Amino acid sequence: MACTTYYEFPAKGARPAVKMTWYDGGLTPPKPVEIGDEELNKGGGVLYIGTKGKLMHDTYGFNPRLLPKSLHESVGKPAETYARIKTSHEMNWIDAIRGTQKTTSPFEYSGRLTEIMLLGVAALNAGKKIQYDGANMKITNVPDSDALLKRKYRSGWELS
């Protein structure tokens, strides 16, 4: 099973509207011509398309590069401003629970990102485009959409 999910974020203040496409289940975006014979990493990654060029990286930010290559060479490698995970993201989480290191993806960021990705799953289950009111955590255009966002827990497993 695979899907392509399209997100549209409205303009906010001085920031323009943003469109994002999420490919899942082995689907990938069209291969940028700027990468030549290089193949897209089937294990995942990100491709940002801007007005002056493209930024591409593999999963977890590995192998970042600007496209076209001439843009990458003119800018050079940026300084690393965030700590890198020394083991795996799973062990980073466990070590953060133990208090021996901080998570490299704080909840303030990762919680919102997870919410966005799960809205794609909600839209897939709704079978149509959804409108989401993030402040109130409500889908506004699908009747009875609470079932897409919340679950009824089994007796004894409720959250308090």
N, C-alpha and C. Protein backbone atom coordinates (compact mmCIF):
# COMPACT_ATOMS: atom_id res chain seq x y z
N MET A 1 0.84 -1.17 0.00
CA MET A 1 0.00 0.00 0.00
C MET A 1 0.88 1.24 0.00
N ALA A 2 0.46 2.24 -0.70
CA ALA A 2 1.22 3.48 -0.82
C ALA A 2 0.25 4.63 -1.04
N CYS A 3 0.72 5.82 -0.74
CA CYS A 3 -0.11 7.01 -0.98
C CYS A 3 0.77 8.24 -1.15
N THR A 4 0.18 9.24 -1.76
CA THR A 4 0.80 10.56 -1.86
C THR A 4 -0.18 11.51 -1.18
N THR A 5 0.31 12.28 -0.22
CA THR A 5 -0.53 13.21 0.53
C THR A 5 -0.08 14.63 0.24
N TYR A 6 -1.04 15.49 -0.02
CA TYR A 6 -0.75 16.89 -0.34
C TYR A 6 -1.21 17.77 0.83
N TYR A 7 -0.33 18.61 1.29
CA TYR A 7 -0.64 19.53 2.39
C TYR A 7 -0.57 20.96 1.86
N GLU A 8 -1.45 21.81 2.37
CA GLU A 8 -1.43 23.23 2.04
C GLU A 8 -1.48 24.01 3.34
N PHE A 9 -0.44 24.81 3.59
CA PHE A 9 -0.38 25.63 4.79
C PHE A 9 -0.58 27.08 4.38
N PRO A 10 -1.52 27.78 5.01
CA PRO A 10 -1.78 29.16 4.62
C PRO A 10 -0.64 30.09 5.02
N ALA A 11 -0.60 31.26 4.38
CA ALA A 11 0.38 32.28 4.75
C ALA A 11 0.15 32.65 6.21
N LYS A 12 1.24 33.01 6.88
CA LYS A 12 1.16 33.39 8.28
C LYS A 12 2.10 34.57 8.50
N GLY A 13 1.52 35.73 8.78
CA GLY A 13 2.34 36.92 8.95
C GLY A 13 3.10 37.21 7.67
N ALA A 14 4.40 37.38 7.79
CA ALA A 14 5.23 37.67 6.62
C ALA A 14 5.60 36.42 5.84
N ARG A 15 5.27 35.25 6.39
CA ARG A 15 5.62 33.99 5.71
C ARG A 15 4.58 33.64 4.66
N PRO A 16 5.01 33.27 3.45
CA PRO A 16 4.05 32.91 2.40
C PRO A 16 3.44 31.54 2.64
N ALA A 17 2.39 31.25 1.89
CA ALA A 17 1.77 29.92 1.94
C ALA A 17 2.80 28.88 1.49
N VAL A 18 2.65 27.65 1.98
CA VAL A 18 3.58 26.57 1.65
C VAL A 18 2.77 25.35 1.23
N LYS A 19 3.23 24.69 0.18
CA LYS A 19 2.65 23.41 -0.24
C LYS A 19 3.67 22.33 0.02
N MET A 20 3.23 21.20 0.56
CA MET A 20 4.12 20.09 0.85
C MET A 20 3.49 18.81 0.33
N THR A 21 4.30 17.93 -0.22
CA THR A 21 3.84 16.64 -0.69
C THR A 21 4.59 15.56 0.06
N TRP A 22 3.85 14.59 0.60
CA TRP A 22 4.44 13.47 1.34
C TRP A 22 4.22 12.21 0.53
N TYR A 23 5.32 11.53 0.20
CA TYR A 23 5.25 10.27 -0.53
C TYR A 23 5.52 9.14 0.44
N ASP A 24 4.74 8.08 0.35
CA ASP A 24 4.87 6.98 1.30
C ASP A 24 4.71 5.65 0.57
N GLY A 25 5.20 4.60 1.20
CA GLY A 25 5.02 3.26 0.66
C GLY A 25 5.84 2.97 -0.58
N GLY A 26 7.00 3.62 -0.71
CA GLY A 26 7.86 3.38 -1.86
C GLY A 26 7.66 4.38 -2.99
N LEU A 27 6.66 5.23 -2.89
CA LEU A 27 6.48 6.27 -3.90
C LEU A 27 7.53 7.36 -3.67
N THR A 28 7.97 7.98 -4.73
CA THR A 28 8.97 9.05 -4.61
C THR A 28 8.57 10.21 -5.53
N PRO A 29 9.12 11.38 -5.25
CA PRO A 29 8.85 12.51 -6.15
C PRO A 29 9.57 12.29 -7.47
N PRO A 30 9.21 13.07 -8.48
CA PRO A 30 9.98 12.99 -9.73
C PRO A 30 11.44 13.29 -9.44
N LYS A 31 12.31 12.55 -10.07
CA LYS A 31 13.75 12.71 -9.85
C LYS A 31 14.21 14.07 -10.39
N PRO A 32 14.86 14.89 -9.56
CA PRO A 32 15.35 16.17 -10.05
C PRO A 32 16.41 15.97 -11.14
N VAL A 33 16.29 16.69 -12.24
CA VAL A 33 17.25 16.53 -13.33
C VAL A 33 18.65 16.92 -12.88
N GLU A 34 18.74 17.79 -11.87
CA GLU A 34 20.05 18.28 -11.41
C GLU A 34 20.92 17.19 -10.78
N ILE A 35 20.34 16.04 -10.40
CA ILE A 35 21.18 15.02 -9.75
C ILE A 35 21.79 14.05 -10.76
N GLY A 36 21.48 14.24 -12.02
CA GLY A 36 22.11 13.42 -13.06
C GLY A 36 21.83 11.94 -12.89
N ASP A 37 22.90 11.13 -12.84
CA ASP A 37 22.76 9.67 -12.74
C ASP A 37 22.47 9.19 -11.33
N GLU A 38 22.63 10.06 -10.34
CA GLU A 38 22.36 9.66 -8.95
C GLU A 38 20.89 9.25 -8.82
N GLU A 39 20.66 8.21 -8.07
CA GLU A 39 19.29 7.74 -7.83
C GLU A 39 18.77 8.32 -6.52
N LEU A 40 17.46 8.49 -6.42
CA LEU A 40 16.86 8.91 -5.15
C LEU A 40 17.02 7.78 -4.14
N ASN A 41 17.27 8.14 -2.90
CA ASN A 41 17.44 7.15 -1.84
C ASN A 41 16.07 6.53 -1.53
N LYS A 42 15.91 5.26 -1.81
CA LYS A 42 14.63 4.58 -1.58
C LYS A 42 14.30 4.45 -0.09
N GLY A 43 15.31 4.66 0.77
CA GLY A 43 15.09 4.59 2.21
C GLY A 43 14.46 5.84 2.78
N GLY A 44 14.33 6.88 1.99
CA GLY A 44 13.68 8.10 2.44
C GLY A 44 14.57 9.30 2.32
N GLY A 45 13.97 10.44 2.53
CA GLY A 45 14.70 11.69 2.46
C GLY A 45 13.75 12.84 2.26
N VAL A 46 14.32 14.00 1.94
CA VAL A 46 13.54 15.21 1.77
C VAL A 46 14.06 15.95 0.55
N LEU A 47 13.14 16.55 -0.19
CA LEU A 47 13.50 17.41 -1.30
C LEU A 47 12.70 18.71 -1.14
N TYR A 48 13.42 19.79 -0.85
CA TYR A 48 12.81 21.11 -0.76
C TYR A 48 13.01 21.80 -2.10
N ILE A 49 11.95 22.37 -2.65
CA ILE A 49 12.05 23.07 -3.92
C ILE A 49 11.80 24.55 -3.65
N GLY A 50 12.84 25.35 -3.86
CA GLY A 50 12.74 26.79 -3.61
C GLY A 50 12.77 27.59 -4.89
N THR A 51 12.80 28.88 -4.75
CA THR A 51 12.81 29.76 -5.92
C THR A 51 14.21 29.90 -6.52
N LYS A 52 15.25 29.60 -5.75
CA LYS A 52 16.63 29.77 -6.23
C LYS A 52 17.36 28.44 -6.42
N GLY A 53 16.72 27.35 -6.02
CA GLY A 53 17.37 26.05 -6.13
C GLY A 53 16.61 25.03 -5.32
N LYS A 54 17.25 23.90 -5.08
CA LYS A 54 16.65 22.80 -4.33
C LYS A 54 17.62 22.35 -3.26
N LEU A 55 17.06 21.84 -2.17
CA LEU A 55 17.86 21.24 -1.11
C LEU A 55 17.37 19.82 -0.95
N MET A 56 18.28 18.89 -0.97
CA MET A 56 17.93 17.48 -0.86
C MET A 56 18.79 16.84 0.21
N HIS A 57 18.18 15.94 1.00
CA HIS A 57 18.97 15.15 1.94
C HIS A 57 18.31 13.81 2.15
N ASP A 58 19.10 12.87 2.64
CA ASP A 58 18.59 11.54 2.94
C ASP A 58 17.89 11.57 4.30
N THR A 59 17.35 10.44 4.72
CA THR A 59 16.66 10.33 6.00
C THR A 59 17.53 10.86 7.13
N TYR A 60 16.88 11.53 8.09
CA TYR A 60 17.52 12.11 9.27
C TYR A 60 18.55 13.18 8.92
N GLY A 61 18.43 13.78 7.74
CA GLY A 61 19.30 14.88 7.38
C GLY A 61 20.67 14.48 6.86
N PHE A 62 20.90 13.20 6.65
CA PHE A 62 22.20 12.76 6.15
C PHE A 62 22.40 13.18 4.69
N ASN A 63 23.64 13.43 4.33
CA ASN A 63 24.03 13.75 2.96
C ASN A 63 23.28 14.96 2.39
N PRO A 64 23.29 16.10 3.08
CA PRO A 64 22.60 17.27 2.54
C PRO A 64 23.34 17.86 1.35
N ARG A 65 22.58 18.32 0.35
CA ARG A 65 23.21 18.96 -0.80
C ARG A 65 22.24 19.91 -1.48
N LEU A 66 22.80 20.98 -1.96
CA LEU A 66 22.03 21.96 -2.72
C LEU A 66 22.10 21.58 -4.19
N LEU A 67 21.03 21.86 -4.89
CA LEU A 67 20.98 21.62 -6.33
C LEU A 67 20.63 22.93 -7.01
N PRO A 68 21.25 23.26 -8.09
CA PRO A 68 22.26 22.50 -8.81
C PRO A 68 23.58 22.44 -8.05
N LYS A 69 24.44 21.55 -8.48
CA LYS A 69 25.73 21.34 -7.82
C LYS A 69 26.54 22.63 -7.72
N SER A 70 26.43 23.50 -8.71
CA SER A 70 27.16 24.77 -8.68
C SER A 70 26.72 25.63 -7.49
N LEU A 71 25.44 25.56 -7.14
CA LEU A 71 24.95 26.29 -5.97
C LEU A 71 25.54 25.69 -4.70
N HIS A 72 25.60 24.39 -4.62
CA HIS A 72 26.18 23.71 -3.47
C HIS A 72 27.65 24.10 -3.30
N GLU A 73 28.38 24.09 -4.39
CA GLU A 73 29.80 24.42 -4.34
C GLU A 73 30.04 25.89 -3.98
N SER A 74 29.16 26.78 -4.41
CA SER A 74 29.34 28.20 -4.12
C SER A 74 29.02 28.54 -2.66
N VAL A 75 28.13 27.77 -2.04
CA VAL A 75 27.73 28.03 -0.65
C VAL A 75 28.66 27.32 0.33
N GLY A 76 29.06 26.12 0.03
CA GLY A 76 29.89 25.34 0.95
C GLY A 76 29.04 24.66 2.01
N LYS A 77 29.68 23.87 2.82
CA LYS A 77 28.98 23.11 3.84
C LYS A 77 28.66 24.03 5.03
N PRO A 78 27.39 24.08 5.44
CA PRO A 78 27.04 24.92 6.59
C PRO A 78 27.55 24.31 7.89
N ALA A 79 27.73 25.16 8.88
CA ALA A 79 28.15 24.69 10.20
C ALA A 79 27.03 23.85 10.81
N GLU A 80 27.40 22.81 11.54
CA GLU A 80 26.40 21.99 12.23
C GLU A 80 25.99 22.73 13.50
N THR A 81 24.73 23.08 13.59
CA THR A 81 24.25 23.85 14.75
C THR A 81 23.47 22.98 15.73
N TYR A 82 23.11 21.78 15.33
CA TYR A 82 22.37 20.87 16.21
C TYR A 82 23.21 19.65 16.52
N ALA A 83 23.05 19.13 17.71
CA ALA A 83 23.78 17.92 18.10
C ALA A 83 23.33 16.75 17.22
N ARG A 84 24.25 15.90 16.90
CA ARG A 84 23.94 14.72 16.10
C ARG A 84 23.72 13.52 17.03
N ILE A 85 22.85 12.63 16.59
CA ILE A 85 22.59 11.41 17.36
C ILE A 85 23.79 10.50 17.21
N LYS A 86 24.31 10.03 18.33
CA LYS A 86 25.50 9.19 18.29
C LYS A 86 25.18 7.73 17.99
N THR A 87 23.95 7.30 18.28
CA THR A 87 23.59 5.90 18.07
C THR A 87 22.43 5.80 17.08
N SER A 88 21.20 5.80 17.56
CA SER A 88 20.00 5.75 16.73
C SER A 88 18.95 6.64 17.38
N HIS A 89 17.89 6.98 16.64
CA HIS A 89 16.87 7.82 17.25
C HIS A 89 16.15 7.10 18.39
N GLU A 90 16.07 5.77 18.30
CA GLU A 90 15.45 5.02 19.39
C GLU A 90 16.29 5.13 20.68
N MET A 91 17.61 4.97 20.52
CA MET A 91 18.49 5.08 21.70
C MET A 91 18.57 6.52 22.20
N ASN A 92 18.47 7.48 21.31
CA ASN A 92 18.43 8.89 21.72
C ASN A 92 17.23 9.11 22.63
N TRP A 93 16.09 8.55 22.28
CA TRP A 93 14.88 8.66 23.08
C TRP A 93 15.09 8.01 24.46
N ILE A 94 15.63 6.81 24.47
CA ILE A 94 15.87 6.11 25.74
C ILE A 94 16.87 6.88 26.60
N ASP A 95 17.94 7.37 26.00
CA ASP A 95 18.94 8.14 26.76
C ASP A 95 18.33 9.44 27.29
N ALA A 96 17.41 10.05 26.55
CA ALA A 96 16.73 11.25 27.04
C ALA A 96 15.85 10.92 28.24
N ILE A 97 15.19 9.77 28.21
CA ILE A 97 14.38 9.33 29.35
C ILE A 97 15.28 9.11 30.56
N ARG A 98 16.46 8.54 30.33
CA ARG A 98 17.42 8.30 31.42
C ARG A 98 18.07 9.59 31.91
N GLY A 99 17.95 10.66 31.13
CA GLY A 99 18.54 11.93 31.52
C GLY A 99 20.00 12.08 31.15
N THR A 100 20.50 11.20 30.27
CA THR A 100 21.91 11.28 29.89
C THR A 100 22.15 12.14 28.65
N GLN A 101 21.09 12.48 27.92
CA GLN A 101 21.19 13.42 26.80
C GLN A 101 19.81 13.97 26.50
N LYS A 102 19.76 15.02 25.69
CA LYS A 102 18.49 15.60 25.27
C LYS A 102 18.04 14.95 23.98
N THR A 103 16.73 14.97 23.75
CA THR A 103 16.25 14.48 22.46
C THR A 103 16.71 15.45 21.38
N THR A 104 17.08 14.93 20.24
CA THR A 104 17.51 15.80 19.16
C THR A 104 16.33 16.38 18.40
N SER A 105 15.14 15.89 18.69
CA SER A 105 13.93 16.44 18.10
C SER A 105 12.95 16.73 19.23
N PRO A 106 13.03 17.92 19.82
CA PRO A 106 12.20 18.25 20.99
C PRO A 106 10.71 18.16 20.68
N PHE A 107 9.91 17.88 21.71
CA PHE A 107 8.48 17.73 21.53
C PHE A 107 7.83 18.97 20.93
N GLU A 108 8.37 20.14 21.20
CA GLU A 108 7.80 21.37 20.64
C GLU A 108 7.80 21.33 19.12
N TYR A 109 8.75 20.62 18.55
CA TYR A 109 8.83 20.47 17.10
C TYR A 109 8.23 19.13 16.65
N SER A 110 8.67 18.06 17.26
CA SER A 110 8.27 16.73 16.79
C SER A 110 6.79 16.46 17.01
N GLY A 111 6.20 17.04 18.05
CA GLY A 111 4.77 16.86 18.29
C GLY A 111 3.95 17.46 17.16
N ARG A 112 4.33 18.65 16.73
CA ARG A 112 3.61 19.31 15.62
C ARG A 112 3.82 18.55 14.31
N LEU A 113 5.04 18.10 14.08
CA LEU A 113 5.31 17.35 12.86
C LEU A 113 4.50 16.05 12.84
N THR A 114 4.43 15.36 13.95
CA THR A 114 3.64 14.13 14.03
C THR A 114 2.17 14.42 13.78
N GLU A 115 1.67 15.51 14.35
CA GLU A 115 0.27 15.90 14.14
C GLU A 115 -0.01 16.10 12.64
N ILE A 116 0.90 16.77 11.95
CA ILE A 116 0.73 17.02 10.52
C ILE A 116 0.71 15.71 9.74
N MET A 117 1.65 14.82 10.03
CA MET A 117 1.71 13.55 9.31
C MET A 117 0.44 12.71 9.57
N LEU A 118 -0.02 12.70 10.81
CA LEU A 118 -1.22 11.91 11.14
C LEU A 118 -2.48 12.50 10.51
N LEU A 119 -2.48 13.80 10.23
CA LEU A 119 -3.61 14.39 9.52
C LEU A 119 -3.70 13.84 8.10
N GLY A 120 -2.55 13.50 7.52
CA GLY A 120 -2.57 12.85 6.22
C GLY A 120 -3.25 11.50 6.29
N VAL A 121 -3.01 10.77 7.36
CA VAL A 121 -3.68 9.47 7.57
C VAL A 121 -5.19 9.69 7.77
N ALA A 122 -5.54 10.74 8.51
CA ALA A 122 -6.97 11.05 8.71
C ALA A 122 -7.64 11.36 7.38
N ALA A 123 -6.97 12.13 6.52
CA ALA A 123 -7.53 12.45 5.21
C ALA A 123 -7.68 11.19 4.36
N LEU A 124 -6.70 10.31 4.44
CA LEU A 124 -6.78 9.05 3.71
C LEU A 124 -7.99 8.25 4.17
N ASN A 125 -8.22 8.20 5.49
CA ASN A 125 -9.37 7.47 6.02
C ASN A 125 -10.69 8.19 5.72
N ALA A 126 -10.67 9.52 5.65
CA ALA A 126 -11.88 10.27 5.31
C ALA A 126 -12.23 10.10 3.83
N GLY A 127 -11.21 9.80 3.03
CA GLY A 127 -11.44 9.61 1.61
C GLY A 127 -11.58 10.90 0.84
N LYS A 128 -11.19 12.02 1.48
CA LYS A 128 -11.28 13.30 0.79
C LYS A 128 -10.41 14.33 1.48
N LYS A 129 -10.28 15.49 0.85
CA LYS A 129 -9.51 16.58 1.41
C LYS A 129 -10.17 17.04 2.71
N ILE A 130 -9.34 17.25 3.73
CA ILE A 130 -9.88 17.72 5.01
C ILE A 130 -9.40 19.15 5.28
N GLN A 131 -10.19 19.86 6.03
CA GLN A 131 -9.84 21.19 6.53
C GLN A 131 -9.63 21.03 8.03
N TYR A 132 -8.52 21.51 8.54
CA TYR A 132 -8.17 21.29 9.94
C TYR A 132 -8.01 22.60 10.67
N ASP A 133 -8.67 22.72 11.82
CA ASP A 133 -8.52 23.85 12.73
C ASP A 133 -7.59 23.39 13.83
N GLY A 134 -6.30 23.73 13.68
CA GLY A 134 -5.29 23.26 14.62
C GLY A 134 -5.48 23.76 16.03
N ALA A 135 -5.92 25.00 16.19
CA ALA A 135 -6.10 25.57 17.53
C ALA A 135 -7.13 24.78 18.33
N ASN A 136 -8.16 24.29 17.65
CA ASN A 136 -9.22 23.53 18.33
C ASN A 136 -9.13 22.03 18.08
N MET A 137 -8.09 21.61 17.34
CA MET A 137 -7.88 20.20 17.02
C MET A 137 -9.15 19.56 16.46
N LYS A 138 -9.72 20.19 15.43
CA LYS A 138 -10.97 19.72 14.82
C LYS A 138 -10.84 19.71 13.30
N ILE A 139 -11.38 18.68 12.70
CA ILE A 139 -11.58 18.67 11.25
C ILE A 139 -12.92 19.35 11.03
N THR A 140 -12.94 20.39 10.21
CA THR A 140 -14.14 21.22 10.11
C THR A 140 -15.07 20.86 8.97
N ASN A 141 -14.64 20.06 8.01
CA ASN A 141 -15.49 19.80 6.86
C ASN A 141 -15.95 18.35 6.73
N VAL A 142 -15.71 17.53 7.72
CA VAL A 142 -16.13 16.13 7.67
C VAL A 142 -17.00 15.86 8.89
N PRO A 143 -18.29 15.60 8.67
CA PRO A 143 -19.16 15.29 9.81
C PRO A 143 -18.65 14.07 10.57
N ASP A 144 -18.83 14.11 11.87
CA ASP A 144 -18.42 13.00 12.74
C ASP A 144 -16.94 12.64 12.58
N SER A 145 -16.10 13.65 12.41
CA SER A 145 -14.67 13.40 12.18
C SER A 145 -13.91 13.10 13.46
N ASP A 146 -14.56 13.21 14.63
CA ASP A 146 -13.85 12.92 15.87
C ASP A 146 -13.24 11.51 15.85
N ALA A 147 -13.91 10.58 15.18
CA ALA A 147 -13.40 9.21 15.11
C ALA A 147 -12.07 9.14 14.36
N LEU A 148 -11.79 10.14 13.51
CA LEU A 148 -10.53 10.16 12.78
C LEU A 148 -9.39 10.69 13.64
N LEU A 149 -9.72 11.43 14.71
CA LEU A 149 -8.69 12.08 15.53
C LEU A 149 -8.57 11.51 16.93
N LYS A 150 -9.60 10.89 17.40
CA LYS A 150 -9.60 10.39 18.78
C LYS A 150 -10.09 8.96 18.80
N ARG A 151 -9.66 8.24 19.79
CA ARG A 151 -10.13 6.86 19.92
C ARG A 151 -10.84 6.67 21.25
N LYS A 152 -11.72 5.70 21.27
CA LYS A 152 -12.37 5.31 22.51
C LYS A 152 -11.54 4.16 23.08
N TYR A 153 -11.01 4.38 24.27
CA TYR A 153 -10.13 3.39 24.88
C TYR A 153 -10.94 2.27 25.53
N ARG A 154 -10.37 1.09 25.54
CA ARG A 154 -10.99 -0.03 26.21
C ARG A 154 -11.06 0.23 27.70
N SER A 155 -12.01 -0.35 28.34
CA SER A 155 -12.18 -0.21 29.77
C SER A 155 -10.88 -0.59 30.49
N GLY A 156 -10.45 0.28 31.39
CA GLY A 156 -9.22 0.04 32.13
C GLY A 156 -7.99 0.65 31.49
N TRP A 157 -8.10 1.12 30.26
CA TRP A 157 -6.97 1.69 29.53
C TRP A 157 -7.18 3.17 29.20
N GLU A 158 -8.18 3.79 29.82
CA GLU A 158 -8.48 5.20 29.55
C GLU A 158 -7.34 6.10 30.03
N LEU A 159 -7.20 7.25 29.37
CA LEU A 159 -6.25 8.26 29.81
C LEU A 159 -6.94 9.15 30.83
N SER A 160 -6.22 9.53 31.88
CA SER A 160 -6.86 10.39 32.87
C SER A 160 -6.31 11.79 32.82
